[in-house]
């Protein structure tokens, strides 16, 4: 079995070394290079063409958002997993629209990072629940995560649920009002059990709604549903 070719782009040498050490313990992964900023990361991709790039967001010079945009434009086959922190709200808003395949916290345990890489390599999208909650919090305040430039932290009056039916971007997905409620809570990072409690439904009913939505919008899993939700609000 061939190894997954992974590159790391992060300005913190300890992070680069730590991730490299993790990959050395995995039989199905190979660290093919590391870079300390966005420009170096693009040059690295040009040289070694990794399958997956772990991309830090905040870096001097060219940040991870801009680097991801250039990588996806030049080499769309390269998959990018964005490394973020709880304080990167503005950067997350920008990264959502770039087509990155994963969004995970830098503080994630090693096994979560490894499983995220495997999932993305298989073709899935990965949106860690803590990141989903961060973006969901913006949405609950009426902020479109992809609409504001990085660094802008203002809020917009009104909530997502206050949109009139004619302007609801989720209506274009062909989902029922109840399905859209379930989808919104999925995007906020809630589990099926939490959604059931919030909407006064049974766990089985929520599972049925999720299964039906997966078929309707033709995605693989609930993380892809969350990504679709965010992109629909662009």
C-alpha atoms as a PDB file:
ATOM      1  CA  UNK A   1       0.000   0.000   0.000  1.00  0.00           C
ATOM      2  CA  UNK A   2       1.405   3.379  -1.000  1.00  0.00           C
ATOM      3  CA  UNK A   3       1.807   6.056   1.649  1.00  0.00           C
ATOM      4  CA  UNK A   4      -0.234   9.258   1.764  1.00  0.00           C
ATOM      5  CA  UNK A   5       2.133  12.070   0.791  1.00  0.00           C
ATOM      6  CA  UNK A   6       1.698  14.898   3.318  1.00  0.00           C
ATOM      7  CA  UNK A   7       3.275  18.360   3.496  1.00  0.00           C
ATOM      8  CA  UNK A   8       3.133  20.722   6.473  1.00  0.00           C
ATOM      9  CA  UNK A   9       3.039  24.520   6.183  1.00  0.00           C
ATOM     10  CA  UNK A  10       3.363  26.230   9.567  1.00  0.00           C
ATOM     11  CA  UNK A  11       5.617  29.000  10.867  1.00  0.00           C
ATOM     12  CA  UNK A  12       6.051  27.222  14.224  1.00  0.00           C
ATOM     13  CA  UNK A  13       9.019  24.855  14.030  1.00  0.00           C
ATOM     14  CA  UNK A  14       7.772  22.854  16.999  1.00  0.00           C
ATOM     15  CA  UNK A  15       4.467  22.216  15.219  1.00  0.00           C
ATOM     16  CA  UNK A  16       6.287  21.111  12.071  1.00  0.00           C
ATOM     17  CA  UNK A  17       8.569  18.806  14.044  1.00  0.00           C
ATOM     18  CA  UNK A  18       5.693  17.438  16.111  1.00  0.00           C
ATOM     19  CA  UNK A  19       3.593  16.609  13.075  1.00  0.00           C
ATOM     20  CA  UNK A  20       6.597  15.045  11.387  1.00  0.00           C
ATOM     21  CA  UNK A  21       7.117  12.811  14.412  1.00  0.00           C
ATOM     22  CA  UNK A  22       3.482  11.740  14.241  1.00  0.00           C
ATOM     23  CA  UNK A  23       3.769  10.755  10.593  1.00  0.00           C
ATOM     24  CA  UNK A  24       6.888   8.690  11.295  1.00  0.00           C
ATOM     25  CA  UNK A  25       4.740   6.394  13.446  1.00  0.00           C
ATOM     26  CA  UNK A  26       2.177   5.832  10.680  1.00  0.00           C
ATOM     27  CA  UNK A  27       2.777   3.124   8.092  1.00  0.00           C
ATOM     28  CA  UNK A  28       0.421   4.745   5.596  1.00  0.00           C
ATOM     29  CA  UNK A  29       1.767   8.321   5.733  1.00  0.00           C
ATOM     30  CA  UNK A  30       4.926  10.057   4.560  1.00  0.00           C
ATOM     31  CA  UNK A  31       6.051  13.607   5.296  1.00  0.00           C
ATOM     32  CA  UNK A  32       7.370  14.838   1.933  1.00  0.00           C
ATOM     33  CA  UNK A  33       8.265  18.361   3.048  1.00  0.00           C
ATOM     34  CA  UNK A  34       7.643  21.247   5.419  1.00  0.00           C
ATOM     35  CA  UNK A  35       7.578  25.009   4.996  1.00  0.00           C
ATOM     36  CA  UNK A  36       7.432  27.986   7.340  1.00  0.00           C
ATOM     37  CA  UNK A  37       5.189  30.394   5.411  1.00  0.00           C
ATOM     38  CA  UNK A  38       2.663  30.542   2.589  1.00  0.00           C
ATOM     39  CA  UNK A  39       5.105  31.398  -0.192  1.00  0.00           C
ATOM     40  CA  UNK A  40       7.439  28.590   0.823  1.00  0.00           C
ATOM     41  CA  UNK A  41       4.440  26.283   1.018  1.00  0.00           C
ATOM     42  CA  UNK A  42       3.473  27.053  -2.577  1.00  0.00           C
ATOM     43  CA  UNK A  43       7.051  26.458  -3.722  1.00  0.00           C
ATOM     44  CA  UNK A  44       7.061  23.175  -1.800  1.00  0.00           C
ATOM     45  CA  UNK A  45       3.889  22.033  -3.548  1.00  0.00           C
ATOM     46  CA  UNK A  46       5.473  22.895  -6.885  1.00  0.00           C
ATOM     47  CA  UNK A  47       8.503  20.726  -6.073  1.00  0.00           C
ATOM     48  CA  UNK A  48       7.011  17.650  -4.412  1.00  0.00           C
ATOM     49  CA  UNK A  49       3.279  17.713  -5.296  1.00  0.00           C
ATOM     50  CA  UNK A  50       1.943  16.324  -2.004  1.00  0.00           C
ATOM     51  CA  UNK A  51      -1.458  14.702  -1.878  1.00  0.00           C
ATOM     52  CA  UNK A  52      -2.433  16.569   1.289  1.00  0.00           C
ATOM     53  CA  UNK A  53      -1.211  19.829   2.819  1.00  0.00           C
ATOM     54  CA  UNK A  54      -1.704  20.694   6.476  1.00  0.00           C
ATOM     55  CA  UNK A  55      -1.947  24.491   6.288  1.00  0.00           C
ATOM     56  CA  UNK A  56      -1.589  26.890   9.190  1.00  0.00           C
ATOM     57  CA  UNK A  57      -3.745  30.012   8.840  1.00  0.00           C
ATOM     58  CA  UNK A  58      -1.764  32.715  10.635  1.00  0.00           C
ATOM     59  CA  UNK A  59       1.734  33.076   9.206  1.00  0.00           C
ATOM     60  CA  UNK A  60       4.017  36.018   8.409  1.00  0.00           C
ATOM     61  CA  UNK A  61       4.201  37.089   4.799  1.00  0.00           C
ATOM     62  CA  UNK A  62       1.638  35.111   2.835  1.00  0.00           C
ATOM     63  CA  UNK A  63      -0.966  33.700   5.232  1.00  0.00           C
ATOM     64  CA  UNK A  64      -2.598  30.304   4.956  1.00  0.00           C
ATOM     65  CA  UNK A  65      -5.818  31.617   3.439  1.00  0.00           C
ATOM     66  CA  UNK A  66      -4.012  33.215   0.492  1.00  0.00           C
ATOM     67  CA  UNK A  67      -1.667  30.250   0.119  1.00  0.00           C
ATOM     68  CA  UNK A  68      -4.604  27.835   0.060  1.00  0.00           C
ATOM     69  CA  UNK A  69      -6.312  29.893  -2.634  1.00  0.00           C
ATOM     70  CA  UNK A  70      -3.219  29.761  -4.847  1.00  0.00           C
ATOM     71  CA  UNK A  71      -2.612  26.060  -4.263  1.00  0.00           C
ATOM     72  CA  UNK A  72      -6.214  25.135  -5.088  1.00  0.00           C
ATOM     73  CA  UNK A  73      -6.081  27.272  -8.235  1.00  0.00           C
ATOM     74  CA  UNK A  74      -2.799  25.815  -9.500  1.00  0.00           C
ATOM     75  CA  UNK A  75      -3.147  22.223  -8.286  1.00  0.00           C
ATOM     76  CA  UNK A  76      -6.815  21.433  -7.582  1.00  0.00           C
ATOM     77  CA  UNK A  77      -5.912  17.793  -6.992  1.00  0.00           C
ATOM     78  CA  UNK A  78      -3.929  18.746  -3.865  1.00  0.00           C
ATOM     79  CA  UNK A  79      -6.169  18.541  -0.805  1.00  0.00           C
ATOM     80  CA  UNK A  80      -5.758  21.099   1.960  1.00  0.00           C
ATOM     81  CA  UNK A  81      -6.563  20.656   5.640  1.00  0.00           C
ATOM     82  CA  UNK A  82      -6.625  24.011   7.390  1.00  0.00           C
ATOM     83  CA  UNK A  83      -5.097  24.141  10.876  1.00  0.00           C
ATOM     84  CA  UNK A  84      -6.893  26.704  13.006  1.00  0.00           C
ATOM     85  CA  UNK A  85      -7.391  27.899  16.572  1.00  0.00           C
ATOM     86  CA  UNK A  86     -10.375  29.127  18.548  1.00  0.00           C
ATOM     87  CA  UNK A  87      -9.316  32.721  17.840  1.00  0.00           C
ATOM     88  CA  UNK A  88      -9.189  32.478  14.052  1.00  0.00           C
ATOM     89  CA  UNK A  89     -12.839  33.397  13.350  1.00  0.00           C
ATOM     90  CA  UNK A  90     -12.034  35.992  10.689  1.00  0.00           C
ATOM     91  CA  UNK A  91      -9.642  33.653   8.897  1.00  0.00           C
ATOM     92  CA  UNK A  92     -12.152  30.790   9.027  1.00  0.00           C
ATOM     93  CA  UNK A  93     -14.693  33.014   7.285  1.00  0.00           C
ATOM     94  CA  UNK A  94     -12.259  33.487   4.415  1.00  0.00           C
ATOM     95  CA  UNK A  95     -11.064  29.872   4.325  1.00  0.00           C
ATOM     96  CA  UNK A  96     -14.598  28.446   4.098  1.00  0.00           C
ATOM     97  CA  UNK A  97     -14.955  29.706   0.527  1.00  0.00           C
ATOM     98  CA  UNK A  98     -11.638  28.378  -0.782  1.00  0.00           C
ATOM     99  CA  UNK A  99     -12.518  24.735  -1.209  1.00  0.00           C
ATOM    100  CA  UNK A 100     -10.236  23.332   1.489  1.00  0.00           C
ATOM    101  CA  UNK A 101     -11.204  19.774   2.383  1.00  0.00           C
ATOM    102  CA  UNK A 102     -10.701  19.993   6.122  1.00  0.00           C
ATOM    103  CA  UNK A 103     -10.769  22.389   9.082  1.00  0.00           C
ATOM    104  CA  UNK A 104      -9.256  21.085  12.328  1.00  0.00           C
ATOM    105  CA  UNK A 105      -7.867  22.580  15.515  1.00  0.00           C
ATOM    106  CA  UNK A 106      -4.095  22.760  15.963  1.00  0.00           C
ATOM    107  CA  UNK A 107      -4.597  21.454  19.481  1.00  0.00           C
ATOM    108  CA  UNK A 108      -6.191  18.228  18.209  1.00  0.00           C
ATOM    109  CA  UNK A 109      -4.731  14.981  19.538  1.00  0.00           C
ATOM    110  CA  UNK A 110      -2.469  13.028  17.198  1.00  0.00           C
ATOM    111  CA  UNK A 111      -5.036  10.335  16.451  1.00  0.00           C
ATOM    112  CA  UNK A 112      -7.624  12.932  15.407  1.00  0.00           C
ATOM    113  CA  UNK A 113      -5.160  14.587  13.016  1.00  0.00           C
ATOM    114  CA  UNK A 114      -4.185  11.226  11.535  1.00  0.00           C
ATOM    115  CA  UNK A 115      -7.808  10.150  11.058  1.00  0.00           C
ATOM    116  CA  UNK A 116      -8.636  13.511   9.482  1.00  0.00           C
ATOM    117  CA  UNK A 117      -5.861  13.026   6.932  1.00  0.00           C
ATOM    118  CA  UNK A 118      -7.090   9.523   6.115  1.00  0.00           C
ATOM    119  CA  UNK A 119     -10.673  10.729   5.747  1.00  0.00           C
ATOM    120  CA  UNK A 120      -9.695  13.572   3.430  1.00  0.00           C
ATOM    121  CA  UNK A 121      -7.511  11.224   1.398  1.00  0.00           C
ATOM    122  CA  UNK A 122     -10.570   8.965   0.945  1.00  0.00           C
ATOM    123  CA  UNK A 123     -12.490  11.917  -0.463  1.00  0.00           C
ATOM    124  CA  UNK A 124     -14.416  13.086   2.597  1.00  0.00           C
ATOM    125  CA  UNK A 125     -14.466  16.563   4.058  1.00  0.00           C
ATOM    126  CA  UNK A 126     -13.553  17.072   7.706  1.00  0.00           C
ATOM    127  CA  UNK A 127     -15.002  19.821   9.852  1.00  0.00           C
ATOM    128  CA  UNK A 128     -14.141  19.370  13.500  1.00  0.00           C
ATOM    129  CA  UNK A 129     -17.114  19.972  15.757  1.00  0.00           C
ATOM    130  CA  UNK A 130     -15.353  22.738  17.705  1.00  0.00           C
ATOM    131  CA  UNK A 131     -14.687  24.607  14.458  1.00  0.00           C
ATOM    132  CA  UNK A 132     -18.290  24.046  13.399  1.00  0.00           C
ATOM    133  CA  UNK A 133     -19.477  25.564  16.659  1.00  0.00           C
ATOM    134  CA  UNK A 134     -17.293  28.632  16.074  1.00  0.00           C
ATOM    135  CA  UNK A 135     -18.752  29.208  12.630  1.00  0.00           C
ATOM    136  CA  UNK A 136     -22.217  28.293  13.829  1.00  0.00           C
ATOM    137  CA  UNK A 137     -21.935  30.987  16.493  1.00  0.00           C
ATOM    138  CA  UNK A 138     -21.246  33.554  13.763  1.00  0.00           C
ATOM    139  CA  UNK A 139     -24.224  32.328  11.781  1.00  0.00           C
ATOM    140  CA  UNK A 140     -26.515  32.559  14.794  1.00  0.00           C
ATOM    141  CA  UNK A 141     -25.600  36.256  14.971  1.00  0.00           C
ATOM    142  CA  UNK A 142     -26.439  36.727  11.296  1.00  0.00           C
ATOM    143  CA  UNK A 143     -22.839  36.711  10.055  1.00  0.00           C
ATOM    144  CA  UNK A 144     -22.101  34.913   6.789  1.00  0.00           C
ATOM    145  CA  UNK A 145     -18.742  33.178   7.480  1.00  0.00           C
ATOM    146  CA  UNK A 146     -17.583  33.666   3.886  1.00  0.00           C
ATOM    147  CA  UNK A 147     -18.813  37.202   3.378  1.00  0.00           C
ATOM    148  CA  UNK A 148     -16.454  39.272   5.515  1.00  0.00           C
ATOM    149  CA  UNK A 149     -12.769  39.901   4.832  1.00  0.00           C
ATOM    150  CA  UNK A 150     -10.210  38.541   7.257  1.00  0.00           C
ATOM    151  CA  UNK A 151      -9.728  40.852  10.207  1.00  0.00           C
ATOM    152  CA  UNK A 152     -13.286  42.271  10.243  1.00  0.00           C
ATOM    153  CA  UNK A 153     -15.015  41.373  13.466  1.00  0.00           C
ATOM    154  CA  UNK A 154     -18.262  43.303  13.349  1.00  0.00           C
ATOM    155  CA  UNK A 155     -21.713  41.751  13.669  1.00  0.00           C
ATOM    156  CA  UNK A 156     -24.771  42.122  11.500  1.00  0.00           C
ATOM    157  CA  UNK A 157     -28.262  42.629  12.975  1.00  0.00           C
ATOM    158  CA  UNK A 158     -30.664  39.719  12.658  1.00  0.00           C
ATOM    159  CA  UNK A 159     -30.177  35.965  12.693  1.00  0.00           C
ATOM    160  CA  UNK A 160     -30.055  33.411   9.926  1.00  0.00           C
ATOM    161  CA  UNK A 161     -33.526  32.270  10.824  1.00  0.00           C
ATOM    162  CA  UNK A 162     -34.865  35.804  10.287  1.00  0.00           C
ATOM    163  CA  UNK A 163     -34.397  35.669   6.498  1.00  0.00           C
ATOM    164  CA  UNK A 164     -37.654  35.655   4.597  1.00  0.00           C
ATOM    165  CA  UNK A 165     -38.439  32.503   2.605  1.00  0.00           C
ATOM    166  CA  UNK A 166     -37.806  34.164  -0.741  1.00  0.00           C
ATOM    167  CA  UNK A 167     -34.224  35.068   0.222  1.00  0.00           C
ATOM    168  CA  UNK A 168     -33.356  31.896   2.135  1.00  0.00           C
ATOM    169  CA  UNK A 169     -30.313  30.448   0.329  1.00  0.00           C
ATOM    170  CA  UNK A 170     -31.012  27.031   1.837  1.00  0.00           C
ATOM    171  CA  UNK A 171     -34.315  26.834  -0.038  1.00  0.00           C
ATOM    172  CA  UNK A 172     -32.342  26.228  -3.230  1.00  0.00           C
ATOM    173  CA  UNK A 173     -31.133  22.906  -1.792  1.00  0.00           C
ATOM    174  CA  UNK A 174     -34.637  21.470  -2.075  1.00  0.00           C
ATOM    175  CA  UNK A 175     -34.915  20.716   1.638  1.00  0.00           C
ATOM    176  CA  UNK A 176     -38.056  20.977   3.724  1.00  0.00           C
ATOM    177  CA  UNK A 177     -38.257  23.602   6.493  1.00  0.00           C
ATOM    178  CA  UNK A 178     -37.655  20.910   9.131  1.00  0.00           C
ATOM    179  CA  UNK A 179     -34.686  19.514   7.206  1.00  0.00           C
ATOM    180  CA  UNK A 180     -33.228  23.013   7.028  1.00  0.00           C
ATOM    181  CA  UNK A 181     -33.593  23.297  10.812  1.00  0.00           C
ATOM    182  CA  UNK A 182     -31.738  20.017  11.254  1.00  0.00           C
ATOM    183  CA  UNK A 183     -29.064  21.101   8.773  1.00  0.00           C
ATOM    184  CA  UNK A 184     -28.515  24.380  10.624  1.00  0.00           C
ATOM    185  CA  UNK A 185     -27.922  22.511  13.882  1.00  0.00           C
ATOM    186  CA  UNK A 186     -25.569  20.056  12.166  1.00  0.00           C
ATOM    187  CA  UNK A 187     -23.593  23.055  10.915  1.00  0.00           C
ATOM    188  CA  UNK A 188     -23.394  24.345  14.497  1.00  0.00           C
ATOM    189  CA  UNK A 189     -21.695  21.095  15.499  1.00  0.00           C
ATOM    190  CA  UNK A 190     -24.585  19.446  17.375  1.00  0.00           C
ATOM    191  CA  UNK A 191     -24.826  15.659  17.557  1.00  0.00           C
ATOM    192  CA  UNK A 192     -27.995  13.788  16.555  1.00  0.00           C
ATOM    193  CA  UNK A 193     -28.909  13.451  20.235  1.00  0.00           C
ATOM    194  CA  UNK A 194     -28.460  17.192  20.820  1.00  0.00           C
ATOM    195  CA  UNK A 195     -30.485  18.014  17.701  1.00  0.00           C
ATOM    196  CA  UNK A 196     -33.257  15.691  18.865  1.00  0.00           C
ATOM    197  CA  UNK A 197     -33.410  17.436  22.239  1.00  0.00           C
ATOM    198  CA  UNK A 198     -33.344  20.890  20.640  1.00  0.00           C
ATOM    199  CA  UNK A 199     -36.183  20.144  18.205  1.00  0.00           C
ATOM    200  CA  UNK A 200     -38.135  17.800  20.497  1.00  0.00           C
ATOM    201  CA  UNK A 201     -37.669  14.855  18.144  1.00  0.00           C
ATOM    202  CA  UNK A 202     -36.538  11.271  18.657  1.00  0.00           C
ATOM    203  CA  UNK A 203     -32.973  10.247  17.817  1.00  0.00           C
ATOM    204  CA  UNK A 204     -34.324   7.948  15.112  1.00  0.00           C
ATOM    205  CA  UNK A 205     -36.284  10.759  13.469  1.00  0.00           C
ATOM    206  CA  UNK A 206     -33.174  12.938  13.346  1.00  0.00           C
ATOM    207  CA  UNK A 207     -31.177  10.072  11.826  1.00  0.00           C
ATOM    208  CA  UNK A 208     -33.868   9.697   9.160  1.00  0.00           C
ATOM    209  CA  UNK A 209     -33.733  13.418   8.351  1.00  0.00           C
ATOM    210  CA  UNK A 210     -29.945  13.246   8.037  1.00  0.00           C
ATOM    211  CA  UNK A 211     -30.125  10.184   5.772  1.00  0.00           C
ATOM    212  CA  UNK A 212     -32.725  11.818   3.536  1.00  0.00           C
ATOM    213  CA  UNK A 213     -30.672  15.022   3.255  1.00  0.00           C
ATOM    214  CA  UNK A 214     -27.553  13.083   2.286  1.00  0.00           C
ATOM    215  CA  UNK A 215     -29.474  11.587  -0.632  1.00  0.00           C
ATOM    216  CA  UNK A 216     -31.175  14.851  -1.634  1.00  0.00           C
ATOM    217  CA  UNK A 217     -28.011  16.941  -1.831  1.00  0.00           C
ATOM    218  CA  UNK A 218     -25.756  14.021  -2.864  1.00  0.00           C
ATOM    219  CA  UNK A 219     -23.031  14.217  -0.208  1.00  0.00           C
ATOM    220  CA  UNK A 220     -21.346  11.455   1.817  1.00  0.00           C
ATOM    221  CA  UNK A 221     -21.626  12.499   5.435  1.00  0.00           C
ATOM    222  CA  UNK A 222     -22.717  15.123   7.966  1.00  0.00           C
ATOM    223  CA  UNK A 223     -19.452  17.056   7.744  1.00  0.00           C
ATOM    224  CA  UNK A 224     -20.071  17.550   4.037  1.00  0.00           C
ATOM    225  CA  UNK A 225     -23.592  18.681   4.921  1.00  0.00           C
ATOM    226  CA  UNK A 226     -22.064  21.323   7.202  1.00  0.00           C
ATOM    227  CA  UNK A 227     -19.682  22.522   4.500  1.00  0.00           C
ATOM    228  CA  UNK A 228     -22.560  22.688   2.012  1.00  0.00           C
ATOM    229  CA  UNK A 229     -24.530  24.737   4.524  1.00  0.00           C
ATOM    230  CA  UNK A 230     -21.763  27.313   4.860  1.00  0.00           C
ATOM    231  CA  UNK A 231     -21.187  27.528   1.119  1.00  0.00           C
ATOM    232  CA  UNK A 232     -24.921  28.004   0.509  1.00  0.00           C
ATOM    233  CA  UNK A 233     -24.754  31.154   2.628  1.00  0.00           C
ATOM    234  CA  UNK A 234     -21.983  32.701   0.540  1.00  0.00           C
END
